[in-house]
N, C-alpha and C. Protein backbone atom coordinates (compact mmCIF):
# COMPACT_ATOMS: atom_id res chain seq x y z
N MET A 1 0.86 -1.18 0.00
CA MET A 1 0.00 0.00 0.00
C MET A 1 0.89 1.23 0.00
N ASP A 2 0.75 2.07 -1.01
CA ASP A 2 1.56 3.28 -1.14
C ASP A 2 0.61 4.46 -1.09
N LEU A 3 0.63 5.19 0.01
CA LEU A 3 -0.27 6.33 0.19
C LEU A 3 0.55 7.60 0.09
N ILE A 4 0.26 8.43 -0.92
CA ILE A 4 1.00 9.67 -1.12
C ILE A 4 0.08 10.85 -0.82
N LEU A 5 0.44 11.64 0.16
CA LEU A 5 -0.34 12.80 0.57
C LEU A 5 0.56 14.03 0.45
N ARG A 6 0.48 14.71 -0.69
CA ARG A 6 1.46 15.75 -0.98
C ARG A 6 1.03 17.14 -0.50
N ASP A 7 -0.24 17.36 -0.31
CA ASP A 7 -0.72 18.72 -0.13
C ASP A 7 -1.23 18.99 1.28
N PHE A 8 -0.72 18.25 2.26
CA PHE A 8 -1.17 18.43 3.63
C PHE A 8 0.03 18.66 4.53
N GLU A 9 -0.23 19.25 5.69
CA GLU A 9 0.80 19.38 6.69
C GLU A 9 1.16 18.00 7.21
N LEU A 10 2.34 17.90 7.86
CA LEU A 10 2.84 16.60 8.32
C LEU A 10 1.84 15.91 9.24
N ALA A 11 1.31 16.64 10.23
CA ALA A 11 0.39 16.02 11.18
C ALA A 11 -0.85 15.49 10.47
N THR A 12 -1.35 16.24 9.48
CA THR A 12 -2.53 15.80 8.74
C THR A 12 -2.20 14.59 7.88
N GLN A 13 -1.02 14.57 7.29
CA GLN A 13 -0.60 13.43 6.48
C GLN A 13 -0.69 12.14 7.28
N PHE A 14 -0.11 12.16 8.47
CA PHE A 14 -0.05 10.92 9.23
C PHE A 14 -1.39 10.57 9.86
N HIS A 15 -2.23 11.58 10.10
CA HIS A 15 -3.58 11.30 10.57
C HIS A 15 -4.34 10.53 9.50
N LEU A 16 -4.26 11.00 8.26
CA LEU A 16 -4.94 10.32 7.16
C LEU A 16 -4.31 8.97 6.86
N ALA A 17 -2.97 8.90 6.91
CA ALA A 17 -2.30 7.63 6.68
C ALA A 17 -2.74 6.60 7.71
N HIS A 18 -2.90 7.04 8.94
CA HIS A 18 -3.35 6.14 10.01
C HIS A 18 -4.74 5.62 9.71
N ARG A 19 -5.63 6.49 9.24
CA ARG A 19 -6.99 6.07 8.96
C ARG A 19 -7.03 5.04 7.84
N VAL A 20 -6.25 5.28 6.79
CA VAL A 20 -6.19 4.32 5.69
C VAL A 20 -5.60 3.00 6.16
N PHE A 21 -4.54 3.09 6.95
CA PHE A 21 -3.89 1.89 7.49
C PHE A 21 -4.88 1.10 8.34
N ARG A 22 -5.64 1.82 9.19
CA ARG A 22 -6.61 1.17 10.07
C ARG A 22 -7.68 0.45 9.25
N ALA A 23 -8.17 1.10 8.20
CA ALA A 23 -9.19 0.49 7.35
C ALA A 23 -8.65 -0.75 6.65
N PHE A 24 -7.39 -0.70 6.21
CA PHE A 24 -6.77 -1.84 5.54
C PHE A 24 -6.63 -3.01 6.51
N ILE A 25 -6.22 -2.72 7.74
CA ILE A 25 -6.08 -3.77 8.76
C ILE A 25 -7.43 -4.42 9.03
N ASP A 26 -8.49 -3.62 9.13
CA ASP A 26 -9.82 -4.15 9.43
C ASP A 26 -10.29 -5.13 8.36
N VAL A 27 -9.92 -4.88 7.11
CA VAL A 27 -10.39 -5.71 6.01
C VAL A 27 -9.46 -6.90 5.75
N HIS A 28 -8.16 -6.64 5.77
CA HIS A 28 -7.20 -7.65 5.31
C HIS A 28 -6.34 -8.25 6.42
N GLY A 29 -6.44 -7.73 7.62
CA GLY A 29 -5.57 -8.22 8.68
C GLY A 29 -4.23 -7.49 8.66
N ASP A 30 -3.18 -8.16 9.10
CA ASP A 30 -1.86 -7.53 9.16
C ASP A 30 -1.38 -7.11 7.77
N VAL A 31 -0.61 -6.02 7.75
CA VAL A 31 -0.05 -5.49 6.51
C VAL A 31 1.42 -5.88 6.43
N ASP A 32 1.81 -6.51 5.32
CA ASP A 32 3.20 -6.93 5.19
C ASP A 32 4.14 -5.74 5.05
N VAL A 33 3.74 -4.77 4.24
CA VAL A 33 4.59 -3.59 4.04
C VAL A 33 3.72 -2.34 4.05
N PHE A 34 4.10 -1.38 4.87
CA PHE A 34 3.40 -0.10 4.92
C PHE A 34 4.42 0.98 4.62
N LEU A 35 4.22 1.71 3.52
CA LEU A 35 5.19 2.71 3.06
C LEU A 35 4.79 4.09 3.55
N VAL A 36 5.68 4.72 4.28
CA VAL A 36 5.47 6.09 4.73
C VAL A 36 6.46 6.98 4.00
N ALA A 37 5.96 7.90 3.18
CA ALA A 37 6.84 8.76 2.39
C ALA A 37 6.32 10.19 2.38
N PRO A 38 6.41 10.91 3.51
CA PRO A 38 5.89 12.27 3.56
C PRO A 38 6.72 13.22 2.71
N LYS A 39 6.06 14.06 1.94
CA LYS A 39 6.75 15.02 1.09
C LYS A 39 7.08 16.28 1.90
N GLY A 40 8.35 16.66 1.89
CA GLY A 40 8.75 17.89 2.55
C GLY A 40 8.65 17.85 4.06
N SER A 41 8.71 16.67 4.65
CA SER A 41 8.56 16.57 6.10
C SER A 41 9.87 16.83 6.84
N GLY A 42 10.98 16.82 6.11
CA GLY A 42 12.27 17.00 6.77
C GLY A 42 12.78 15.75 7.43
N THR A 43 12.11 14.63 7.21
CA THR A 43 12.54 13.40 7.85
C THR A 43 13.84 12.90 7.24
N SER A 44 14.70 12.34 8.07
CA SER A 44 15.98 11.84 7.59
C SER A 44 15.82 10.55 6.80
N LEU A 45 14.79 9.79 7.09
CA LEU A 45 14.51 8.57 6.35
C LEU A 45 13.35 8.89 5.41
N ARG A 46 13.67 9.20 4.17
CA ARG A 46 12.65 9.71 3.26
C ARG A 46 11.54 8.71 3.01
N ARG A 47 11.87 7.46 3.03
CA ARG A 47 10.84 6.45 2.86
C ARG A 47 11.04 5.36 3.90
N MET A 48 10.00 5.09 4.62
CA MET A 48 10.06 4.04 5.63
C MET A 48 9.11 2.91 5.23
N PHE A 49 9.64 1.72 5.13
CA PHE A 49 8.83 0.55 4.87
C PHE A 49 8.59 -0.14 6.21
N LEU A 50 7.37 -0.06 6.68
CA LEU A 50 7.04 -0.61 7.99
C LEU A 50 6.03 -1.74 7.83
N GLN A 51 6.17 -2.76 8.65
CA GLN A 51 5.22 -3.85 8.67
C GLN A 51 4.17 -3.56 9.73
N GLY A 52 2.91 -3.67 9.33
CA GLY A 52 1.83 -3.41 10.27
C GLY A 52 1.43 -4.68 11.01
N ARG A 53 1.34 -4.58 12.32
CA ARG A 53 0.93 -5.72 13.13
C ARG A 53 -0.11 -5.26 14.14
N GLY A 54 -1.23 -5.97 14.19
CA GLY A 54 -2.25 -5.70 15.19
C GLY A 54 -2.08 -6.67 16.35
N LEU A 55 -2.00 -6.14 17.57
CA LEU A 55 -1.81 -6.97 18.75
C LEU A 55 -3.09 -7.02 19.57
N ASN A 56 -3.58 -8.20 19.83
CA ASN A 56 -4.72 -8.37 20.71
C ASN A 56 -4.28 -8.28 22.17
N SER A 57 -5.23 -8.21 23.05
CA SER A 57 -4.92 -8.18 24.47
C SER A 57 -4.10 -9.40 24.86
N SER A 58 -3.05 -9.20 25.63
CA SER A 58 -2.13 -10.23 26.13
C SER A 58 -1.16 -10.72 25.05
N TYR A 59 -1.12 -10.07 23.88
CA TYR A 59 -0.11 -10.37 22.88
C TYR A 59 1.06 -9.41 23.04
N ALA A 60 2.23 -9.82 22.57
CA ALA A 60 3.41 -8.96 22.68
C ALA A 60 4.30 -9.16 21.46
N ILE A 61 5.19 -8.19 21.22
CA ILE A 61 6.25 -8.33 20.23
C ILE A 61 7.54 -7.83 20.85
N PHE A 62 8.66 -8.25 20.27
CA PHE A 62 9.97 -7.81 20.74
C PHE A 62 10.64 -6.97 19.66
N GLN A 63 11.10 -5.78 20.02
CA GLN A 63 11.81 -4.91 19.10
C GLN A 63 13.26 -4.79 19.56
N ASP A 64 14.18 -5.26 18.74
CA ASP A 64 15.59 -5.17 19.11
C ASP A 64 16.08 -3.73 18.94
N ALA A 65 17.23 -3.44 19.53
CA ALA A 65 17.81 -2.10 19.42
C ALA A 65 18.09 -1.76 17.96
N GLY A 66 17.80 -0.52 17.58
CA GLY A 66 18.10 -0.06 16.23
C GLY A 66 17.00 -0.27 15.22
N ILE A 67 15.88 -0.90 15.62
CA ILE A 67 14.78 -1.17 14.70
C ILE A 67 13.72 -0.07 14.84
N PRO A 68 13.45 0.70 13.79
CA PRO A 68 12.41 1.74 13.89
C PRO A 68 11.04 1.12 14.10
N HIS A 69 10.23 1.75 14.94
CA HIS A 69 8.87 1.29 15.15
C HIS A 69 8.01 2.48 15.57
N ALA A 70 6.71 2.34 15.40
CA ALA A 70 5.78 3.40 15.76
C ALA A 70 4.47 2.78 16.23
N TYR A 71 3.87 3.38 17.25
CA TYR A 71 2.56 2.94 17.73
C TYR A 71 1.50 3.82 17.08
N LEU A 72 0.48 3.19 16.50
CA LEU A 72 -0.56 3.94 15.81
C LEU A 72 -1.76 4.22 16.69
N GLU A 73 -2.16 3.25 17.50
CA GLU A 73 -3.31 3.46 18.35
C GLU A 73 -3.34 2.41 19.45
N GLY A 74 -4.19 2.65 20.44
CA GLY A 74 -4.36 1.69 21.52
C GLY A 74 -3.43 1.97 22.69
N GLN A 75 -3.48 1.09 23.67
CA GLN A 75 -2.63 1.19 24.86
C GLN A 75 -1.74 -0.04 24.93
N ASN A 76 -0.55 0.15 25.43
CA ASN A 76 0.36 -0.97 25.58
C ASN A 76 1.27 -0.74 26.77
N VAL A 77 1.86 -1.81 27.24
CA VAL A 77 2.87 -1.75 28.29
C VAL A 77 4.20 -2.04 27.64
N GLU A 78 5.15 -1.13 27.80
CA GLU A 78 6.46 -1.27 27.16
C GLU A 78 7.54 -1.32 28.23
N ILE A 79 8.45 -2.26 28.08
CA ILE A 79 9.60 -2.37 28.98
C ILE A 79 10.84 -2.37 28.11
N MET A 80 11.88 -1.67 28.54
CA MET A 80 13.07 -1.56 27.70
C MET A 80 14.33 -1.53 28.56
N ALA A 81 15.46 -1.73 27.91
CA ALA A 81 16.73 -1.71 28.60
C ALA A 81 17.06 -0.30 29.06
N ASN A 82 17.91 -0.20 30.08
CA ASN A 82 18.36 1.10 30.57
C ASN A 82 19.14 1.80 29.46
N SER A 83 18.67 2.96 29.02
CA SER A 83 19.29 3.62 27.88
C SER A 83 18.95 5.11 27.89
N ASP A 84 19.84 5.91 27.31
CA ASP A 84 19.57 7.33 27.16
C ASP A 84 19.61 7.75 25.69
N ASN A 85 19.45 6.78 24.80
CA ASN A 85 19.57 7.11 23.37
C ASN A 85 18.33 6.69 22.58
N VAL A 86 17.15 7.03 23.11
CA VAL A 86 15.93 6.84 22.34
C VAL A 86 15.90 7.90 21.24
N LEU A 87 15.86 7.46 20.00
CA LEU A 87 16.01 8.37 18.86
C LEU A 87 14.73 8.43 18.04
N ARG A 88 14.42 9.62 17.54
CA ARG A 88 13.24 9.82 16.71
C ARG A 88 13.60 9.60 15.24
N GLY A 89 12.69 8.97 14.50
CA GLY A 89 12.97 8.66 13.11
C GLY A 89 12.25 9.54 12.11
N GLY A 90 11.52 10.55 12.58
CA GLY A 90 10.90 11.47 11.65
C GLY A 90 9.42 11.28 11.43
N LEU A 91 8.77 10.39 12.17
CA LEU A 91 7.33 10.19 12.01
C LEU A 91 6.51 11.13 12.88
N THR A 92 7.16 11.96 13.66
CA THR A 92 6.49 12.98 14.46
C THR A 92 7.27 14.28 14.30
N PRO A 93 6.70 15.41 14.72
CA PRO A 93 7.43 16.67 14.60
C PRO A 93 8.49 16.88 15.68
N LYS A 94 8.77 15.87 16.49
CA LYS A 94 9.78 16.00 17.54
C LYS A 94 11.19 16.08 16.94
N HIS A 95 12.13 16.52 17.76
CA HIS A 95 13.51 16.72 17.29
C HIS A 95 14.11 15.42 16.76
N ILE A 96 14.83 15.53 15.64
CA ILE A 96 15.49 14.38 15.02
C ILE A 96 16.99 14.64 15.00
N ASP A 97 17.74 13.81 15.68
CA ASP A 97 19.20 13.88 15.65
C ASP A 97 19.67 12.98 14.52
N VAL A 98 19.79 13.55 13.32
CA VAL A 98 20.05 12.74 12.13
C VAL A 98 21.35 11.95 12.21
N PRO A 99 22.50 12.57 12.53
CA PRO A 99 23.74 11.79 12.59
C PRO A 99 23.67 10.63 13.59
N GLU A 100 23.08 10.90 14.77
CA GLU A 100 22.99 9.84 15.78
C GLU A 100 22.03 8.75 15.35
N LEU A 101 20.93 9.15 14.72
CA LEU A 101 19.96 8.18 14.22
C LEU A 101 20.60 7.25 13.19
N LEU A 102 21.30 7.82 12.23
CA LEU A 102 21.92 7.01 11.18
C LEU A 102 23.03 6.12 11.72
N LYS A 103 23.60 6.51 12.85
CA LYS A 103 24.65 5.71 13.47
C LYS A 103 24.08 4.43 14.07
N HIS A 104 22.83 4.48 14.52
CA HIS A 104 22.27 3.35 15.28
C HIS A 104 21.20 2.56 14.53
N VAL A 105 20.50 3.19 13.58
CA VAL A 105 19.38 2.50 12.95
C VAL A 105 19.87 1.32 12.11
N LYS A 106 19.09 0.25 12.12
CA LYS A 106 19.40 -0.94 11.33
C LYS A 106 18.50 -0.96 10.10
N CYS A 107 19.08 -0.85 8.94
CA CYS A 107 18.32 -0.87 7.70
C CYS A 107 18.32 -2.30 7.14
N GLU A 108 17.56 -3.14 7.76
CA GLU A 108 17.48 -4.54 7.36
C GLU A 108 16.07 -5.04 7.63
N PRO A 109 15.60 -6.01 6.85
CA PRO A 109 14.23 -6.51 7.04
C PRO A 109 14.07 -7.27 8.35
N VAL A 110 12.95 -7.07 8.99
CA VAL A 110 12.63 -7.75 10.25
C VAL A 110 11.19 -8.22 10.18
N VAL A 111 10.94 -9.42 10.62
CA VAL A 111 9.58 -9.94 10.71
C VAL A 111 9.24 -10.09 12.19
N PRO A 112 8.47 -9.16 12.76
CA PRO A 112 8.17 -9.23 14.19
C PRO A 112 7.23 -10.39 14.51
N ALA A 113 7.66 -11.27 15.36
CA ALA A 113 6.85 -12.43 15.74
C ALA A 113 5.95 -12.08 16.91
N ILE A 114 4.73 -12.59 16.88
CA ILE A 114 3.81 -12.40 18.00
C ILE A 114 4.25 -13.31 19.14
N ILE A 115 4.38 -12.73 20.34
CA ILE A 115 4.80 -13.48 21.52
C ILE A 115 3.60 -13.68 22.43
N LEU A 116 3.35 -14.91 22.81
CA LEU A 116 2.28 -15.23 23.75
C LEU A 116 2.88 -15.57 25.10
N GLY A 117 2.20 -15.17 26.16
CA GLY A 117 2.69 -15.47 27.49
C GLY A 117 2.64 -16.96 27.79
N ILE A 118 3.63 -17.45 28.52
CA ILE A 118 3.65 -18.84 28.94
C ILE A 118 3.68 -18.89 30.46
N PRO A 119 3.17 -19.96 31.07
CA PRO A 119 3.16 -20.05 32.54
C PRO A 119 4.56 -19.91 33.12
N SER A 120 4.66 -19.18 34.22
CA SER A 120 5.96 -18.95 34.85
C SER A 120 6.24 -19.92 35.98
N GLY A 121 5.29 -20.78 36.30
CA GLY A 121 5.40 -21.63 37.48
C GLY A 121 4.41 -21.20 38.54
N ASN A 122 3.92 -19.98 38.42
CA ASN A 122 2.85 -19.47 39.26
C ASN A 122 1.59 -19.45 38.40
N ARG A 123 0.53 -20.07 38.86
CA ARG A 123 -0.66 -20.25 38.03
C ARG A 123 -1.29 -18.93 37.59
N ALA A 124 -1.03 -17.85 38.34
CA ALA A 124 -1.63 -16.56 38.00
C ALA A 124 -0.73 -15.72 37.10
N GLU A 125 0.49 -16.17 36.87
CA GLU A 125 1.48 -15.34 36.19
C GLU A 125 1.92 -15.94 34.86
N GLN A 126 2.02 -15.09 33.85
CA GLN A 126 2.56 -15.48 32.55
C GLN A 126 3.80 -14.64 32.26
N VAL A 127 4.75 -15.24 31.55
CA VAL A 127 5.98 -14.53 31.20
C VAL A 127 6.08 -14.44 29.68
N PHE A 128 6.52 -13.28 29.20
CA PHE A 128 6.73 -13.07 27.77
C PHE A 128 8.22 -13.23 27.49
N MET A 129 8.58 -14.34 26.87
CA MET A 129 9.98 -14.69 26.64
C MET A 129 10.52 -13.92 25.43
N THR A 130 11.70 -13.30 25.60
CA THR A 130 12.36 -12.58 24.52
C THR A 130 13.86 -12.87 24.58
N PRO A 131 14.64 -12.45 23.59
CA PRO A 131 16.09 -12.64 23.64
C PRO A 131 16.80 -11.74 24.64
N ALA A 132 16.10 -10.77 25.21
CA ALA A 132 16.74 -9.81 26.12
C ALA A 132 17.24 -10.49 27.38
N ALA A 133 18.44 -10.12 27.80
CA ALA A 133 19.04 -10.69 29.00
C ALA A 133 18.88 -9.79 30.22
N ASP A 134 18.50 -8.53 29.99
CA ASP A 134 18.48 -7.57 31.10
C ASP A 134 17.09 -7.11 31.51
N PHE A 135 16.04 -7.62 30.89
CA PHE A 135 14.69 -7.29 31.34
C PHE A 135 13.71 -8.36 30.89
N GLU A 136 12.60 -8.43 31.60
CA GLU A 136 11.55 -9.39 31.27
C GLU A 136 10.21 -8.85 31.76
N LEU A 137 9.18 -9.03 30.96
CA LEU A 137 7.84 -8.58 31.33
C LEU A 137 6.97 -9.79 31.65
N ARG A 138 6.24 -9.67 32.76
CA ARG A 138 5.31 -10.73 33.16
C ARG A 138 3.94 -10.11 33.42
N MET A 139 2.91 -10.92 33.28
CA MET A 139 1.55 -10.46 33.51
C MET A 139 0.87 -11.35 34.55
N ILE A 140 0.35 -10.72 35.59
CA ILE A 140 -0.36 -11.42 36.64
C ILE A 140 -1.85 -11.15 36.47
N SER A 141 -2.64 -12.20 36.26
CA SER A 141 -4.08 -12.07 36.06
C SER A 141 -4.80 -12.70 37.24
N LEU A 142 -5.59 -11.90 37.94
CA LEU A 142 -6.31 -12.38 39.12
C LEU A 142 -7.80 -12.21 38.92
N GLU A 143 -8.55 -13.28 39.11
CA GLU A 143 -10.00 -13.20 39.07
C GLU A 143 -10.52 -12.63 40.38
N ALA A 144 -11.79 -12.28 40.40
CA ALA A 144 -12.39 -11.70 41.60
C ALA A 144 -12.21 -12.62 42.80
N GLY A 145 -11.70 -12.07 43.89
CA GLY A 145 -11.49 -12.82 45.12
C GLY A 145 -10.23 -13.66 45.15
N ALA A 146 -9.43 -13.61 44.08
CA ALA A 146 -8.23 -14.46 44.00
C ALA A 146 -7.03 -13.77 44.63
N SER A 147 -6.01 -14.58 44.91
CA SER A 147 -4.74 -14.07 45.43
C SER A 147 -3.61 -14.93 44.90
N THR A 148 -2.40 -14.42 44.98
CA THR A 148 -1.23 -15.17 44.54
C THR A 148 -0.04 -14.77 45.39
N LYS A 149 0.90 -15.70 45.56
CA LYS A 149 2.11 -15.44 46.34
C LYS A 149 3.31 -15.44 45.40
N LEU A 150 4.22 -14.50 45.63
CA LEU A 150 5.40 -14.36 44.80
C LEU A 150 6.64 -14.22 45.65
N ALA A 151 7.70 -14.94 45.29
CA ALA A 151 9.01 -14.76 45.91
C ALA A 151 9.82 -13.83 45.01
N ILE A 152 10.36 -12.76 45.57
CA ILE A 152 11.07 -11.75 44.79
C ILE A 152 12.57 -11.98 44.91
N ASN A 153 13.22 -12.20 43.77
CA ASN A 153 14.67 -12.47 43.77
C ASN A 153 15.50 -11.29 43.27
N THR A 154 14.85 -10.30 42.69
CA THR A 154 15.53 -9.08 42.25
C THR A 154 14.66 -7.90 42.67
N THR A 155 15.10 -6.70 42.37
CA THR A 155 14.24 -5.54 42.59
C THR A 155 13.26 -5.46 41.43
N ASP A 156 11.99 -5.70 41.72
CA ASP A 156 10.95 -5.75 40.70
C ASP A 156 9.99 -4.58 40.84
N ILE A 157 9.46 -4.13 39.71
CA ILE A 157 8.46 -3.07 39.69
C ILE A 157 7.14 -3.66 39.19
N PHE A 158 6.06 -3.35 39.88
CA PHE A 158 4.73 -3.84 39.55
C PHE A 158 3.84 -2.66 39.16
N PHE A 159 3.09 -2.83 38.07
CA PHE A 159 2.18 -1.79 37.60
C PHE A 159 0.77 -2.38 37.52
N VAL A 160 -0.17 -1.75 38.21
CA VAL A 160 -1.56 -2.21 38.20
C VAL A 160 -2.24 -1.67 36.94
N TYR A 161 -2.48 -2.55 36.00
CA TYR A 161 -3.06 -2.15 34.72
C TYR A 161 -4.57 -1.96 34.84
N THR A 162 -5.24 -2.89 35.49
CA THR A 162 -6.66 -2.75 35.75
C THR A 162 -6.97 -3.29 37.14
N GLY A 163 -8.00 -2.75 37.76
CA GLY A 163 -8.47 -3.26 39.04
C GLY A 163 -7.78 -2.65 40.24
N GLN A 164 -7.93 -3.32 41.36
CA GLN A 164 -7.36 -2.89 42.64
C GLN A 164 -6.75 -4.10 43.32
N VAL A 165 -5.58 -3.92 43.91
CA VAL A 165 -4.92 -5.02 44.60
C VAL A 165 -4.49 -4.58 46.00
N PHE A 166 -4.38 -5.58 46.87
CA PHE A 166 -3.84 -5.39 48.21
C PHE A 166 -2.58 -6.25 48.31
N VAL A 167 -1.47 -5.62 48.63
CA VAL A 167 -0.17 -6.29 48.61
C VAL A 167 0.39 -6.34 50.02
N THR A 168 0.69 -7.56 50.48
CA THR A 168 1.24 -7.76 51.81
C THR A 168 2.58 -8.46 51.70
N GLU A 169 3.56 -7.96 52.41
CA GLU A 169 4.86 -8.63 52.48
C GLU A 169 5.09 -9.16 53.88
N VAL A 170 5.45 -10.41 53.95
CA VAL A 170 5.85 -11.01 55.22
C VAL A 170 7.22 -11.61 54.99
N ALA A 171 8.26 -10.99 55.53
CA ALA A 171 9.64 -11.43 55.30
C ALA A 171 10.45 -11.25 56.57
N GLN A 172 11.57 -11.94 56.64
CA GLN A 172 12.42 -11.86 57.82
C GLN A 172 13.11 -10.51 57.90
N ASN A 173 13.51 -9.96 56.74
CA ASN A 173 14.22 -8.70 56.73
C ASN A 173 13.29 -7.56 56.36
N GLU A 174 13.71 -6.35 56.66
CA GLU A 174 12.93 -5.19 56.31
C GLU A 174 13.14 -4.85 54.83
N HIS A 175 12.04 -4.53 54.15
CA HIS A 175 12.09 -4.12 52.77
C HIS A 175 11.18 -2.92 52.61
N GLN A 176 11.29 -2.24 51.51
CA GLN A 176 10.42 -1.12 51.24
C GLN A 176 9.85 -1.23 49.84
N GLY A 177 8.60 -0.77 49.70
CA GLY A 177 8.01 -0.64 48.38
C GLY A 177 8.12 0.81 47.96
N LEU A 178 7.75 1.09 46.71
CA LEU A 178 7.82 2.45 46.20
C LEU A 178 6.42 2.98 46.02
N GLY A 179 6.09 4.08 46.70
CA GLY A 179 4.76 4.66 46.60
C GLY A 179 4.55 5.33 45.26
N VAL A 180 3.29 5.60 44.93
CA VAL A 180 2.98 6.20 43.64
C VAL A 180 3.52 7.62 43.55
N ASP A 181 3.79 8.27 44.67
CA ASP A 181 4.33 9.63 44.64
C ASP A 181 5.84 9.65 44.71
N GLY A 182 6.48 8.45 44.62
CA GLY A 182 7.93 8.37 44.63
C GLY A 182 8.52 8.31 46.01
N THR A 183 7.70 8.31 47.05
CA THR A 183 8.20 8.24 48.41
C THR A 183 8.21 6.80 48.89
N SER A 184 8.94 6.55 49.96
CA SER A 184 9.01 5.21 50.52
C SER A 184 7.67 4.85 51.13
N ALA A 185 7.17 3.67 50.78
CA ALA A 185 5.87 3.24 51.29
C ALA A 185 6.02 1.86 51.91
N GLY A 186 5.72 1.76 53.19
CA GLY A 186 6.14 0.67 54.04
C GLY A 186 5.80 -0.75 53.68
N PHE A 187 6.76 -1.47 53.18
CA PHE A 187 6.73 -2.92 53.19
C PHE A 187 7.57 -3.33 54.39
N ASN A 188 6.98 -3.62 55.48
CA ASN A 188 7.73 -3.92 56.70
C ASN A 188 6.86 -4.82 57.57
N GLY A 189 7.25 -6.07 57.67
CA GLY A 189 6.42 -6.99 58.43
C GLY A 189 5.20 -7.35 57.63
N ALA A 190 4.01 -7.16 58.22
CA ALA A 190 2.76 -7.55 57.57
C ALA A 190 1.95 -6.35 57.11
N VAL A 191 2.61 -5.22 56.84
CA VAL A 191 1.91 -4.03 56.37
C VAL A 191 1.35 -4.28 54.98
N THR A 192 0.12 -3.82 54.72
CA THR A 192 -0.53 -4.02 53.43
C THR A 192 -0.61 -2.71 52.66
N LEU A 193 -0.23 -2.77 51.39
CA LEU A 193 -0.37 -1.63 50.49
C LEU A 193 -1.58 -1.83 49.61
N GLU A 194 -2.29 -0.75 49.34
CA GLU A 194 -3.41 -0.78 48.41
C GLU A 194 -3.02 -0.02 47.15
N ARG A 195 -3.17 -0.66 46.00
CA ARG A 195 -2.84 -0.02 44.74
C ARG A 195 -3.99 -0.22 43.75
N GLU A 196 -4.29 0.85 42.99
CA GLU A 196 -5.38 0.83 42.03
C GLU A 196 -4.85 1.02 40.61
N THR A 197 -5.77 1.00 39.65
CA THR A 197 -5.40 1.15 38.24
C THR A 197 -4.51 2.37 38.02
N GLY A 198 -3.38 2.15 37.35
CA GLY A 198 -2.46 3.24 37.04
C GLY A 198 -1.41 3.48 38.10
N GLU A 199 -1.46 2.76 39.22
CA GLU A 199 -0.49 2.93 40.29
C GLU A 199 0.53 1.79 40.27
N ALA A 200 1.64 2.00 40.96
CA ALA A 200 2.74 1.04 40.93
C ALA A 200 3.34 0.87 42.32
N PHE A 201 4.12 -0.18 42.47
CA PHE A 201 4.90 -0.39 43.69
C PHE A 201 6.15 -1.17 43.34
N MET A 202 7.12 -1.14 44.23
CA MET A 202 8.39 -1.82 44.01
C MET A 202 8.64 -2.78 45.16
N ALA A 203 9.22 -3.91 44.87
CA ALA A 203 9.60 -4.88 45.90
C ALA A 203 11.07 -5.24 45.73
N GLU A 204 11.78 -5.30 46.83
CA GLU A 204 13.21 -5.59 46.79
C GLU A 204 13.47 -7.09 46.84
N ALA A 205 14.68 -7.46 46.46
CA ALA A 205 15.09 -8.87 46.49
C ALA A 205 14.96 -9.42 47.90
N GLY A 206 14.45 -10.63 48.01
CA GLY A 206 14.28 -11.28 49.30
C GLY A 206 12.88 -11.16 49.86
N ALA A 207 12.06 -10.34 49.24
CA ALA A 207 10.69 -10.16 49.73
C ALA A 207 9.82 -11.34 49.33
N SER A 208 8.78 -11.55 50.11
CA SER A 208 7.76 -12.55 49.79
C SER A 208 6.42 -11.83 49.81
N LEU A 209 5.77 -11.76 48.66
CA LEU A 209 4.55 -10.96 48.53
C LEU A 209 3.31 -11.82 48.42
N ASN A 210 2.23 -11.31 48.97
CA ASN A 210 0.91 -11.87 48.75
C ASN A 210 0.07 -10.77 48.10
N ILE A 211 -0.40 -11.03 46.88
CA ILE A 211 -1.20 -10.05 46.15
C ILE A 211 -2.61 -10.60 46.02
N LYS A 212 -3.59 -9.83 46.46
CA LYS A 212 -4.98 -10.28 46.37
C LYS A 212 -5.86 -9.16 45.83
N THR A 213 -7.01 -9.55 45.31
CA THR A 213 -7.95 -8.59 44.76
C THR A 213 -9.37 -8.99 45.10
N ALA A 214 -10.23 -8.01 45.20
CA ALA A 214 -11.63 -8.29 45.50
C ALA A 214 -12.44 -8.48 44.22
N ASN A 215 -12.17 -7.66 43.21
CA ASN A 215 -13.00 -7.66 42.01
C ASN A 215 -12.26 -8.03 40.73
N GLY A 216 -11.05 -8.53 40.86
CA GLY A 216 -10.26 -8.89 39.69
C GLY A 216 -9.26 -7.81 39.34
N ALA A 217 -8.10 -8.21 38.83
CA ALA A 217 -7.05 -7.25 38.50
C ALA A 217 -6.05 -7.86 37.53
N ILE A 218 -5.39 -7.00 36.77
CA ILE A 218 -4.25 -7.37 35.94
C ILE A 218 -3.08 -6.51 36.35
N VAL A 219 -1.97 -7.16 36.68
CA VAL A 219 -0.77 -6.47 37.15
C VAL A 219 0.40 -6.89 36.28
N PHE A 220 1.16 -5.93 35.78
CA PHE A 220 2.37 -6.23 35.02
C PHE A 220 3.59 -6.11 35.92
N ARG A 221 4.52 -7.01 35.71
CA ARG A 221 5.73 -7.10 36.55
C ARG A 221 6.97 -6.95 35.68
N ALA A 222 7.80 -5.98 36.01
CA ALA A 222 9.08 -5.79 35.33
C ALA A 222 10.17 -6.44 36.16
N THR A 223 10.84 -7.42 35.57
CA THR A 223 11.86 -8.17 36.29
C THR A 223 12.99 -8.52 35.31
N VAL A 224 13.78 -9.54 35.63
CA VAL A 224 14.83 -10.02 34.74
C VAL A 224 14.63 -11.51 34.52
N PRO A 225 15.13 -12.06 33.41
CA PRO A 225 14.96 -13.49 33.14
C PRO A 225 15.55 -14.35 34.25
N GLY A 226 14.82 -15.40 34.60
CA GLY A 226 15.29 -16.33 35.61
C GLY A 226 15.02 -15.93 37.03
N ALA A 227 14.39 -14.77 37.23
CA ALA A 227 14.13 -14.30 38.60
C ALA A 227 13.01 -15.11 39.24
């Protein structure tokens, strides 16, 4: 699909391109090649050939370093390696560091595979396996009235995607969680934290957590492989 929009501003071009792309996805499913070629946009990559992929709930993909990608719509949870070199490729009006971009971008074909979560050993938790050695994303799904216990082997961050959870730590040593305002929030003994949609907490290595919900919840966990 080659969509050429010559007489519109950049923002309008991509708004219309998105609508056409969305309509194509609805009819034909995933798009093998999506060509973005804005005229006069100032982009360093004059033509981008992108593969369109629609992800259903609980689906994931892995993007290696140097691979251009763009989100068109919807919500997603993204986890990435510690880095200070997130570079723009010209699909938005944000600043583009052309020399740095060309230094890191990989101009080679990639077929992004859909990743499905697999059981982690905890019946409520699924892990999304990727080649990354320094991070891993897991999803904890709890039905109404359910609870789950987790042993924490690294410093993990938990994000409540939907619902409300009550988190209790019972451990021999003192640990702390991270409050939503960035302050220390007591994981000490049998203290319980309450977290709702959009809020997060942190657990340190050695902690033993009990997470429960009254009405059901989905919690994402950022950790490392093998934890």
